Amino acid sequence: MRRLLLSAAGLLLGFMACAAHGATYYVAKSGSDAGPGTMAHPWKTIGKAAIVLAPGDTVYIRSGTYNERVVPRRSGAPGRFISYAASPGEVVTIDGRGVNVPQYCGLFDMASKSYISVSGFRVVNSTDQGIVADGSTGIVIAGNYVYNTVTSGIAVWASSNVLIARNEVERACTGIYNECISVGGTDSFEVRGNYVHNVGNPDKEGICAKDGSVNGRIYGNRVHDTQLGIYVDAESRPTYNIRIYANILYDNGSDGIALGSEAGGLLQNIRVYNNISYSNFYNGLQVSAPVLPATPVKKITIINNTFYGNGKQWGCGIYLENGQAGDVEVRNNICSQNLSSQIGMNLSKPPANWKIDHNLIDGPTDICGAFCVKGDPRFVNPADADFDLRSDSPAIDKGSSVDAPPTDIRGVPRPQGAGVDIGAYEYTPHKSAVAPKHGG
């Protein structure tokens, strides 16, 4: 994982430094593409900038609606990003109404281009994808609002070193393909601080890492009113080394989080921690059932999460549906008031290489595991989705230090008391002094 952290840090440093290396241009509705693209004489279209910009250059787009598809002609270079940005404080809309977006393409399309950042835009009404990178490296997609796309709002395919941060994606996937934020076949990626909600097609997922995506982090996101909040699916290719943490997932049409392999690819080394998943239609988290006769899933760690009130007609806090999965650890989770089972299984007993221990169980359950705590977790205010612990919570100091995350969902160090607390929050009497780290 150290490789991922270094690459993401380098990506951000390059993004911040890019303006110092090249020219700065401007686009405005009052401009002319025959002009020099200066602040006094801006270009009229973003497409003109996409033709001219070279490594290190930045273009600021002034307020207005631009009915055009943007396809950069050039890539940037390491440390010399090409930056497309909305002018600070101005509302810039790239509107696909009446614009032809070819199949598998985007309204803002960086296919086969690298070291580009896209920030601050409203990208709306695409007949295919909204913002897309395909076969790219060193891509930053940050602070955009993407609305009403037929397939993915934001999609990254067969790429590397990608940051997708602080975007809002709404009413994506009005058609039948992809997910609101899709990451496929990509090495070294971060999806963080995004707000994904109200999917266009109720059968489509919120955030999905799939089909050979490796060395990734999905964290600090808020996802609701999609079909499935966060989905990691190996499909037919090895998919591994992915961390899912500090996400808030609720009111989704099936599960908050699901882990699976739909076409026989190995899903391995997936770590899920410090998430809050509540009021989803079925499960807070599911390790999905085999689709093929052999569905290889191994090294799944589910630790220090809070699962509350999942299941409308049927559902569990954690549902371990794949009996073929190996090396599954379920530890330090609060599973409270989930409809059918707090920890559910379709097995008579867990396999010998599964470790289920130190969970808090509040309600009916198929299994408790070792050293479980039973009873009301005494949340501060679950009716208002405040799942922090009261001072009298039985979860305090009752968790295991084995493999526990060093901080909680807010970044509070563990432990605060005599031992690690169970659940996504580590109890502290002054929680208001600590900023939450989830998105939205």
Protein backbone atom coordinates (compact mmCIF):
# COMPACT_ATOMS: atom_id res chain seq x y z
CA MET A 1 0.00 0.00 0.00
CA ARG A 2 2.96 2.35 0.43
CA ARG A 3 3.17 2.60 -3.36
CA LEU A 4 -0.38 3.95 -3.47
CA LEU A 5 0.24 6.55 -0.79
CA LEU A 6 3.35 7.85 -2.51
CA SER A 7 1.72 8.00 -5.92
CA ALA A 8 -1.32 9.86 -4.60
CA ALA A 9 0.90 12.33 -2.76
CA GLY A 10 2.90 12.93 -5.93
CA LEU A 11 -0.31 13.42 -7.86
CA LEU A 12 -1.52 16.10 -5.48
CA LEU A 13 1.83 17.87 -5.40
CA GLY A 14 1.91 17.95 -9.18
CA PHE A 15 -1.64 19.30 -9.25
CA MET A 16 -0.88 22.11 -6.82
CA ALA A 17 2.33 23.09 -8.60
CA CYS A 18 1.06 22.88 -12.17
CA ALA A 19 0.18 26.58 -12.57
CA ALA A 20 3.76 27.64 -11.84
CA HIS A 21 5.16 25.92 -14.94
CA GLY A 22 3.09 27.21 -17.82
CA ALA A 23 0.74 29.81 -19.24
CA THR A 24 -2.65 30.82 -17.84
CA TYR A 25 -5.59 31.26 -20.21
CA TYR A 26 -9.24 32.29 -19.89
CA VAL A 27 -12.54 31.35 -21.53
CA ALA A 28 -15.73 33.43 -21.30
CA LYS A 29 -19.07 33.51 -23.08
CA SER A 30 -18.23 37.02 -24.27
CA GLY A 31 -14.90 35.97 -25.75
CA SER A 32 -13.63 35.01 -29.20
CA ASP A 33 -11.71 31.92 -30.24
CA ALA A 34 -9.74 34.18 -32.59
CA GLY A 35 -8.30 36.07 -29.61
CA PRO A 36 -5.25 35.30 -27.42
CA GLY A 37 -7.17 33.72 -24.52
CA THR A 38 -6.06 36.34 -22.01
CA MET A 39 -8.18 37.69 -19.17
CA ALA A 40 -8.89 40.83 -21.22
CA HIS A 41 -9.47 38.90 -24.45
CA PRO A 42 -10.68 35.40 -23.51
CA TRP A 43 -11.57 32.56 -25.80
CA LYS A 44 -15.23 31.75 -26.32
CA THR A 45 -15.17 27.94 -26.08
CA ILE A 46 -13.52 25.39 -23.84
CA GLY A 47 -12.82 23.42 -27.01
CA LYS A 48 -10.42 26.13 -28.13
CA ALA A 49 -8.50 25.74 -24.87
CA ALA A 50 -8.48 21.96 -25.34
CA ILE A 51 -6.64 22.47 -28.64
CA VAL A 52 -4.08 24.97 -27.35
CA LEU A 53 -3.17 23.90 -23.80
CA ALA A 54 0.30 22.39 -23.33
CA PRO A 55 1.95 20.78 -20.28
CA GLY A 56 1.89 23.11 -17.28
CA ASP A 57 -0.87 25.34 -18.66
CA THR A 58 -4.06 26.31 -16.81
CA VAL A 59 -7.33 27.56 -18.23
CA TYR A 60 -9.96 29.29 -16.10
CA ILE A 61 -13.51 29.15 -17.42
CA ARG A 62 -15.76 32.10 -16.57
CA SER A 63 -19.41 31.70 -15.59
CA GLY A 64 -22.01 30.53 -18.08
CA THR A 65 -23.33 27.47 -19.86
CA TYR A 66 -21.14 25.86 -22.52
CA ASN A 67 -22.95 23.47 -24.87
CA GLU A 68 -19.95 21.49 -26.03
CA ARG A 69 -18.02 18.28 -25.60
CA VAL A 70 -14.49 18.79 -24.27
CA VAL A 71 -11.72 16.49 -25.55
CA PRO A 72 -8.18 17.61 -24.64
CA ARG A 73 -5.73 17.32 -27.51
CA ARG A 74 -2.60 17.03 -25.36
CA SER A 75 -1.46 15.37 -22.17
CA GLY A 76 0.36 17.12 -19.38
CA ALA A 77 3.55 15.73 -17.88
CA PRO A 78 4.71 14.69 -14.40
CA GLY A 79 4.81 17.85 -12.31
CA ARG A 80 3.31 19.83 -15.22
CA PHE A 81 -0.39 19.12 -15.21
CA ILE A 82 -2.79 20.66 -17.68
CA SER A 83 -5.50 22.18 -15.51
CA TYR A 84 -9.10 22.92 -16.56
CA ALA A 85 -10.83 24.86 -13.78
CA ALA A 86 -13.91 26.94 -13.19
CA SER A 87 -12.99 30.48 -12.20
CA PRO A 88 -13.15 30.74 -8.40
CA GLY A 89 -16.63 31.59 -7.18
CA GLU A 90 -18.24 31.30 -10.61
CA VAL A 91 -20.81 28.76 -11.85
CA VAL A 92 -19.63 27.02 -15.00
CA THR A 93 -21.88 24.47 -16.69
CA ILE A 94 -20.81 22.08 -19.43
CA ASP A 95 -24.17 21.03 -20.81
CA GLY A 96 -24.56 18.05 -23.11
CA ARG A 97 -28.06 18.98 -24.22
CA GLY A 98 -28.03 18.64 -28.00
CA VAL A 99 -24.37 17.49 -28.00
CA ASN A 100 -23.41 14.14 -29.52
CA VAL A 101 -21.44 12.05 -27.03
CA PRO A 102 -20.34 8.81 -28.75
CA GLN A 103 -20.96 5.51 -27.00
CA TYR A 104 -18.39 4.68 -24.29
CA CYS A 105 -17.21 8.29 -24.29
CA GLY A 106 -17.66 11.28 -22.00
CA LEU A 107 -18.91 14.84 -22.21
CA PHE A 108 -15.52 15.73 -20.73
CA ASP A 109 -13.30 13.02 -22.17
CA MET A 110 -9.64 12.42 -21.29
CA ALA A 111 -9.23 9.07 -23.04
CA SER A 112 -5.58 8.27 -23.75
CA LYS A 113 -4.50 11.53 -22.11
CA SER A 114 -2.56 11.93 -18.87
CA TYR A 115 -1.62 14.44 -16.17
CA ILE A 116 -4.80 16.47 -16.46
CA SER A 117 -6.94 17.97 -13.70
CA VAL A 118 -10.62 18.89 -14.05
CA SER A 119 -12.15 20.91 -11.24
CA GLY A 120 -15.13 23.00 -10.28
CA PHE A 121 -17.53 22.34 -13.17
CA ARG A 122 -21.18 21.43 -13.47
CA VAL A 123 -21.23 18.61 -16.04
CA VAL A 124 -24.82 17.81 -16.98
CA ASN A 125 -27.03 16.02 -19.49
CA SER A 126 -24.57 13.63 -21.14
CA THR A 127 -25.98 10.98 -23.45
CA ASP A 128 -23.23 8.65 -22.23
CA GLN A 129 -20.65 9.30 -19.47
CA GLY A 130 -20.07 12.61 -17.73
CA ILE A 131 -16.33 12.89 -16.97
CA VAL A 132 -14.17 9.99 -18.19
CA ALA A 133 -10.53 8.90 -18.26
CA ASP A 134 -9.63 5.78 -20.21
CA GLY A 135 -6.06 4.52 -20.65
CA SER A 136 -4.80 7.50 -18.69
CA THR A 137 -2.42 8.20 -15.80
CA GLY A 138 -2.10 11.08 -13.35
CA ILE A 139 -5.73 12.25 -13.46
CA VAL A 140 -7.41 14.54 -10.90
CA ILE A 141 -11.20 14.94 -10.99
CA ALA A 142 -12.13 17.20 -8.08
CA GLY A 143 -14.94 19.42 -6.89
CA ASN A 144 -17.32 18.88 -9.80
CA TYR A 145 -21.08 18.44 -9.87
CA VAL A 146 -22.24 15.80 -12.35
CA TYR A 147 -25.93 15.40 -13.10
CA ASN A 148 -28.20 13.42 -15.44
CA THR A 149 -25.88 11.10 -17.34
CA VAL A 150 -27.03 8.02 -19.21
CA THR A 151 -24.12 5.91 -17.88
CA SER A 152 -21.46 6.82 -15.29
CA GLY A 153 -21.29 10.31 -13.87
CA ILE A 154 -17.52 9.83 -13.42
CA ALA A 155 -15.67 6.86 -14.89
CA VAL A 156 -12.04 5.75 -14.98
CA TRP A 157 -11.02 2.75 -17.06
CA ALA A 158 -7.65 1.00 -17.50
CA SER A 159 -5.78 3.88 -15.88
CA SER A 160 -3.34 4.53 -13.02
CA ASN A 161 -2.69 7.13 -10.33
CA VAL A 162 -6.15 8.67 -10.25
CA LEU A 163 -7.80 10.94 -7.69
CA ILE A 164 -11.60 11.40 -7.65
CA ALA A 165 -12.34 13.80 -4.80
CA ARG A 166 -15.09 16.04 -3.46
CA ASN A 167 -17.45 15.60 -6.38
CA GLU A 168 -21.23 15.43 -6.19
CA VAL A 169 -22.85 12.92 -8.53
CA GLU A 170 -26.62 12.96 -8.83
CA ARG A 171 -29.03 11.17 -11.15
CA ALA A 172 -26.29 9.28 -12.95
CA CYS A 173 -26.97 6.02 -14.80
CA THR A 174 -30.38 6.77 -16.22
CA GLY A 175 -29.62 3.89 -18.61
CA ILE A 176 -28.58 0.30 -17.87
CA TYR A 177 -24.75 0.42 -17.79
CA ASN A 178 -22.03 1.15 -15.25
CA GLU A 179 -22.30 2.94 -11.90
CA CYS A 180 -22.47 6.52 -10.66
CA ILE A 181 -18.70 6.49 -10.04
CA SER A 182 -16.97 3.62 -11.85
CA VAL A 183 -13.33 2.57 -11.46
CA GLY A 184 -12.43 -0.37 -13.69
CA GLY A 185 -9.05 -2.02 -14.32
CA THR A 186 -7.21 0.82 -12.60
CA ASP A 187 -4.03 0.71 -10.48
CA SER A 188 -3.51 3.17 -7.61
CA PHE A 189 -6.65 5.23 -7.10
CA GLU A 190 -8.42 7.28 -4.47
CA VAL A 191 -12.16 7.93 -4.38
CA ARG A 192 -12.67 10.26 -1.43
CA GLY A 193 -15.05 12.83 -0.05
CA ASN A 194 -17.65 12.41 -2.79
CA TYR A 195 -21.40 12.77 -2.36
CA VAL A 196 -23.32 10.27 -4.52
CA HIS A 197 -27.10 10.14 -4.39
CA ASN A 198 -30.42 9.64 -6.14
CA VAL A 199 -29.34 7.34 -8.94
CA GLY A 200 -31.16 7.69 -12.26
CA ASN A 201 -31.87 3.95 -12.55
CA PRO A 202 -32.82 2.24 -9.26
CA ASP A 203 -30.84 -0.86 -10.31
CA LYS A 204 -27.48 0.94 -10.50
CA GLU A 205 -24.75 1.23 -7.87
CA GLY A 206 -23.18 4.30 -6.27
CA ILE A 207 -19.39 3.73 -6.23
CA CYS A 208 -17.86 0.65 -7.82
CA ALA A 209 -14.25 -0.55 -8.05
CA LYS A 210 -14.10 -3.55 -10.32
CA ASP A 211 -12.60 -5.79 -12.96
CA GLY A 212 -8.91 -5.73 -12.04
CA SER A 213 -8.77 -2.50 -10.03
CA VAL A 214 -5.96 -2.72 -7.48
CA ASN A 215 -4.19 -0.65 -4.80
CA GLY A 216 -7.10 1.64 -4.07
CA ARG A 217 -8.78 3.60 -1.31
CA ILE A 218 -12.47 4.48 -1.13
CA TYR A 219 -13.04 6.73 1.86
CA GLY A 220 -14.91 9.66 3.31
CA ASN A 221 -17.79 9.32 0.84
CA ARG A 222 -21.51 9.68 1.51
CA VAL A 223 -23.82 7.53 -0.62
CA HIS A 224 -27.58 7.21 -0.41
CA ASP A 225 -30.57 6.39 -2.60
CA THR A 226 -28.64 4.23 -5.04
CA GLN A 227 -29.11 0.52 -5.62
CA LEU A 228 -25.94 -0.39 -3.70
CA GLY A 229 -23.70 2.12 -1.92
CA ILE A 230 -20.16 0.79 -2.49
CA TYR A 231 -19.46 -2.33 -4.55
CA VAL A 232 -16.11 -4.03 -5.06
CA ASP A 233 -16.45 -6.69 -7.76
CA ALA A 234 -13.54 -8.66 -9.18
CA GLU A 235 -15.59 -9.71 -12.20
CA SER A 236 -13.14 -11.91 -14.18
CA ARG A 237 -9.79 -10.34 -13.13
CA PRO A 238 -7.75 -10.30 -9.91
CA THR A 239 -8.87 -7.34 -7.82
CA TYR A 240 -6.97 -6.67 -4.62
CA ASN A 241 -5.48 -4.31 -2.03
CA ILE A 242 -8.49 -2.05 -1.63
CA ARG A 243 -9.42 -0.21 1.56
CA ILE A 244 -12.95 1.01 2.22
CA TYR A 245 -13.21 3.28 5.23
CA ALA A 246 -14.93 6.26 6.86
CA ASN A 247 -17.90 6.15 4.47
CA ILE A 248 -21.53 6.91 5.38
CA LEU A 249 -24.02 4.69 3.54
CA TYR A 250 -27.78 4.75 4.00
CA ASP A 251 -31.18 4.32 2.33
CA ASN A 252 -29.73 2.31 -0.55
CA GLY A 253 -31.94 -0.15 -2.42
CA SER A 254 -30.01 -3.30 -1.49
CA ASP A 255 -26.78 -3.13 0.56
CA GLY A 256 -24.58 -0.41 1.96
CA ILE A 257 -21.40 -2.29 0.95
CA ALA A 258 -21.01 -5.48 -1.08
CA LEU A 259 -17.92 -7.52 -1.94
CA GLY A 260 -18.05 -10.12 -4.69
CA SER A 261 -16.72 -11.78 -7.81
CA GLU A 262 -19.34 -12.06 -10.52
CA ALA A 263 -17.20 -13.79 -13.15
CA GLY A 264 -14.59 -15.83 -11.29
CA GLY A 265 -11.82 -13.28 -10.71
CA LEU A 266 -9.92 -13.43 -7.41
CA LEU A 267 -11.03 -10.83 -4.88
CA GLN A 268 -8.32 -10.52 -2.26
CA ASN A 269 -7.07 -8.33 0.56
CA ILE A 270 -10.10 -6.08 0.99
CA ARG A 271 -10.19 -4.15 4.26
CA VAL A 272 -13.44 -2.51 5.39
CA TYR A 273 -13.30 -0.34 8.51
CA ASN A 274 -14.71 2.73 10.26
CA ASN A 275 -17.81 2.82 8.07
CA ILE A 276 -21.38 3.57 9.12
CA SER A 277 -24.01 1.68 7.15
CA TYR A 278 -27.62 2.07 8.18
CA SER A 279 -31.22 1.85 6.95
CA ASN A 280 -30.32 0.06 3.73
CA PHE A 281 -33.01 -2.16 2.23
CA TYR A 282 -31.16 -5.43 2.79
CA ASN A 283 -27.72 -5.53 4.41
CA GLY A 284 -25.25 -3.16 5.93
CA LEU A 285 -22.50 -5.23 4.31
CA GLN A 286 -22.59 -8.41 2.25
CA VAL A 287 -19.87 -10.81 1.16
CA SER A 288 -21.84 -11.92 -1.88
CA ALA A 289 -22.78 -15.46 -2.80
CA PRO A 290 -20.87 -17.35 -5.49
CA VAL A 291 -22.15 -16.67 -8.99
CA LEU A 292 -20.00 -19.33 -10.65
CA PRO A 293 -19.22 -22.78 -9.16
CA ALA A 294 -15.89 -21.38 -7.95
CA THR A 295 -15.82 -17.79 -6.75
CA PRO A 296 -12.43 -17.04 -5.18
CA VAL A 297 -12.62 -14.54 -2.35
CA LYS A 298 -10.04 -14.38 0.41
CA LYS A 299 -8.48 -12.14 3.01
CA ILE A 300 -11.53 -10.01 3.82
CA THR A 301 -11.28 -7.87 6.95
CA ILE A 302 -14.42 -6.22 8.36
CA ILE A 303 -13.45 -4.30 11.48
CA ASN A 304 -14.70 -1.41 13.62
CA ASN A 305 -17.79 -0.61 11.58
CA THR A 306 -21.28 0.34 12.74
CA PHE A 307 -24.26 -1.40 11.12
CA TYR A 308 -27.66 -0.22 12.29
CA GLY A 309 -31.28 -0.72 11.26
CA ASN A 310 -30.64 -2.48 7.96
CA GLY A 311 -33.34 -4.69 6.44
CA LYS A 312 -36.80 -3.55 5.38
CA GLN A 313 -38.32 -6.93 4.50
CA TRP A 314 -35.21 -9.02 5.22
CA GLY A 315 -31.65 -8.07 5.94
CA CYS A 316 -28.62 -8.25 8.21
CA GLY A 317 -25.96 -6.01 9.63
CA ILE A 318 -23.29 -8.25 8.08
CA TYR A 319 -24.29 -11.07 5.75
CA LEU A 320 -21.60 -13.64 5.02
CA GLU A 321 -23.18 -15.34 2.03
CA ASN A 322 -20.06 -16.76 0.36
CA GLY A 323 -19.05 -19.95 2.18
CA GLN A 324 -16.09 -20.34 -0.21
CA ALA A 325 -14.46 -17.20 1.10
CA GLY A 326 -11.22 -17.76 2.97
CA ASP A 327 -9.55 -15.82 5.78
CA VAL A 328 -12.52 -13.68 6.71
CA GLU A 329 -12.18 -11.53 9.82
CA VAL A 330 -15.20 -9.90 11.45
CA ARG A 331 -14.12 -7.97 14.53
CA ASN A 332 -15.08 -4.96 16.66
CA ASN A 333 -18.27 -4.21 14.75
CA ILE A 334 -21.50 -2.90 16.23
CA CYS A 335 -24.46 -4.73 14.71
CA SER A 336 -27.64 -3.26 16.16
CA GLN A 337 -31.32 -3.57 15.34
CA ASN A 338 -30.83 -5.09 11.90
CA LEU A 339 -34.02 -6.88 10.89
CA SER A 340 -33.21 -10.56 10.33
CA SER A 341 -29.79 -11.11 11.84
CA GLN A 342 -26.98 -8.99 13.19
CA ILE A 343 -24.35 -11.30 11.67
CA GLY A 344 -26.05 -13.59 9.17
CA MET A 345 -24.71 -16.66 7.35
CA ASN A 346 -26.07 -19.25 4.97
CA LEU A 347 -23.86 -21.87 6.65
CA SER A 348 -24.46 -24.05 9.68
CA LYS A 349 -21.17 -22.83 11.13
CA PRO A 350 -18.32 -20.59 9.96
CA PRO A 351 -15.28 -22.16 8.27
CA ALA A 352 -12.27 -22.79 10.46
CA ASN A 353 -10.27 -19.97 8.89
CA TRP A 354 -12.91 -17.33 9.65
CA LYS A 355 -12.32 -15.19 12.73
CA ILE A 356 -15.42 -13.63 14.27
CA ASP A 357 -14.84 -11.96 17.62
CA HIS A 358 -15.36 -8.90 19.83
CA ASN A 359 -18.51 -7.68 18.08
CA LEU A 360 -21.43 -6.01 19.83
CA ILE A 361 -24.71 -7.77 19.05
CA ASP A 362 -28.05 -6.06 19.62
CA GLY A 363 -30.88 -8.16 18.24
CA PRO A 364 -31.37 -11.60 16.66
CA THR A 365 -28.28 -13.18 15.13
CA ASP A 366 -27.04 -16.32 13.41
CA ILE A 367 -23.70 -16.04 15.13
CA CYS A 368 -22.07 -13.92 17.83
CA GLY A 369 -18.49 -15.17 17.66
CA ALA A 370 -15.99 -15.13 20.49
CA PHE A 371 -15.93 -12.44 23.19
CA CYS A 372 -19.07 -10.78 21.89
CA VAL A 373 -20.92 -8.12 23.83
CA LYS A 374 -24.71 -8.31 23.85
CA GLY A 375 -27.07 -5.42 24.40
CA ASP A 376 -28.00 -1.89 23.44
CA PRO A 377 -24.89 -0.01 22.21
CA ARG A 378 -26.35 3.24 23.60
CA PHE A 379 -25.75 5.52 20.69
CA VAL A 380 -26.06 9.26 21.27
CA ASN A 381 -29.07 9.64 18.93
CA PRO A 382 -29.62 6.89 16.35
CA ALA A 383 -32.92 8.44 15.22
CA ASP A 384 -30.86 11.39 13.98
CA ALA A 385 -28.08 9.13 12.62
CA ASP A 386 -25.70 10.05 15.45
CA PHE A 387 -23.96 6.75 16.16
CA ASP A 388 -21.33 8.09 18.51
CA LEU A 389 -21.21 6.31 21.86
CA ARG A 390 -22.68 7.56 25.08
CA SER A 391 -20.49 7.44 28.16
CA ASP A 392 -22.39 4.38 29.44
CA SER A 393 -22.05 2.37 26.22
CA PRO A 394 -21.06 -1.30 26.69
CA ALA A 395 -18.94 -0.94 23.52
CA ILE A 396 -16.36 1.21 25.32
CA ASP A 397 -13.01 -0.57 25.90
CA LYS A 398 -14.50 -3.95 24.87
CA GLY A 399 -12.92 -4.33 21.44
CA SER A 400 -9.75 -6.11 20.42
CA SER A 401 -6.53 -4.35 19.48
CA VAL A 402 -5.77 -7.06 16.91
CA ASP A 403 -5.70 -5.40 13.49
CA ALA A 404 -7.76 -2.45 14.79
CA PRO A 405 -7.49 0.80 12.82
CA PRO A 406 -5.25 3.33 14.61
CA THR A 407 -7.93 6.06 14.38
CA ASP A 408 -11.72 6.13 14.26
CA ILE A 409 -14.03 7.59 11.60
CA ARG A 410 -13.22 11.13 12.78
CA GLY A 411 -9.49 10.59 13.07
CA VAL A 412 -9.58 10.19 16.85
CA PRO A 413 -6.67 7.94 17.94
CA ARG A 414 -7.45 4.44 19.27
CA PRO A 415 -7.61 3.63 22.09
CA GLN A 416 -8.82 6.56 24.17
CA GLY A 417 -9.37 4.52 27.32
CA ALA A 418 -8.24 1.19 28.69
CA GLY A 419 -8.96 -0.58 25.41
CA VAL A 420 -10.24 -0.23 21.86
CA ASP A 421 -13.94 0.56 21.58
CA ILE A 422 -16.28 -1.46 19.38
CA GLY A 423 -17.76 0.32 16.35
CA ALA A 424 -16.76 3.15 14.03
CA TYR A 425 -16.40 5.70 16.85
CA GLU A 426 -13.90 5.75 19.67
CA TYR A 427 -15.61 7.34 22.66
CA THR A 428 -14.42 10.80 23.60
CA PRO A 429 -16.36 13.20 25.80
CA HIS A 430 -15.48 16.14 23.55
CA LYS A 431 -16.36 14.85 20.09
CA SER A 432 -17.39 18.31 18.85
CA ALA A 433 -13.75 19.34 18.94
CA VAL A 434 -12.91 16.76 16.29
CA ALA A 435 -14.03 17.33 12.69
CA PRO A 436 -15.79 14.34 11.08
CA LYS A 437 -13.92 12.83 8.13
CA HIS A 438 -16.85 11.65 6.04
CA GLY A 439 -17.94 13.23 2.78
CA GLY A 440 -21.07 15.05 1.74
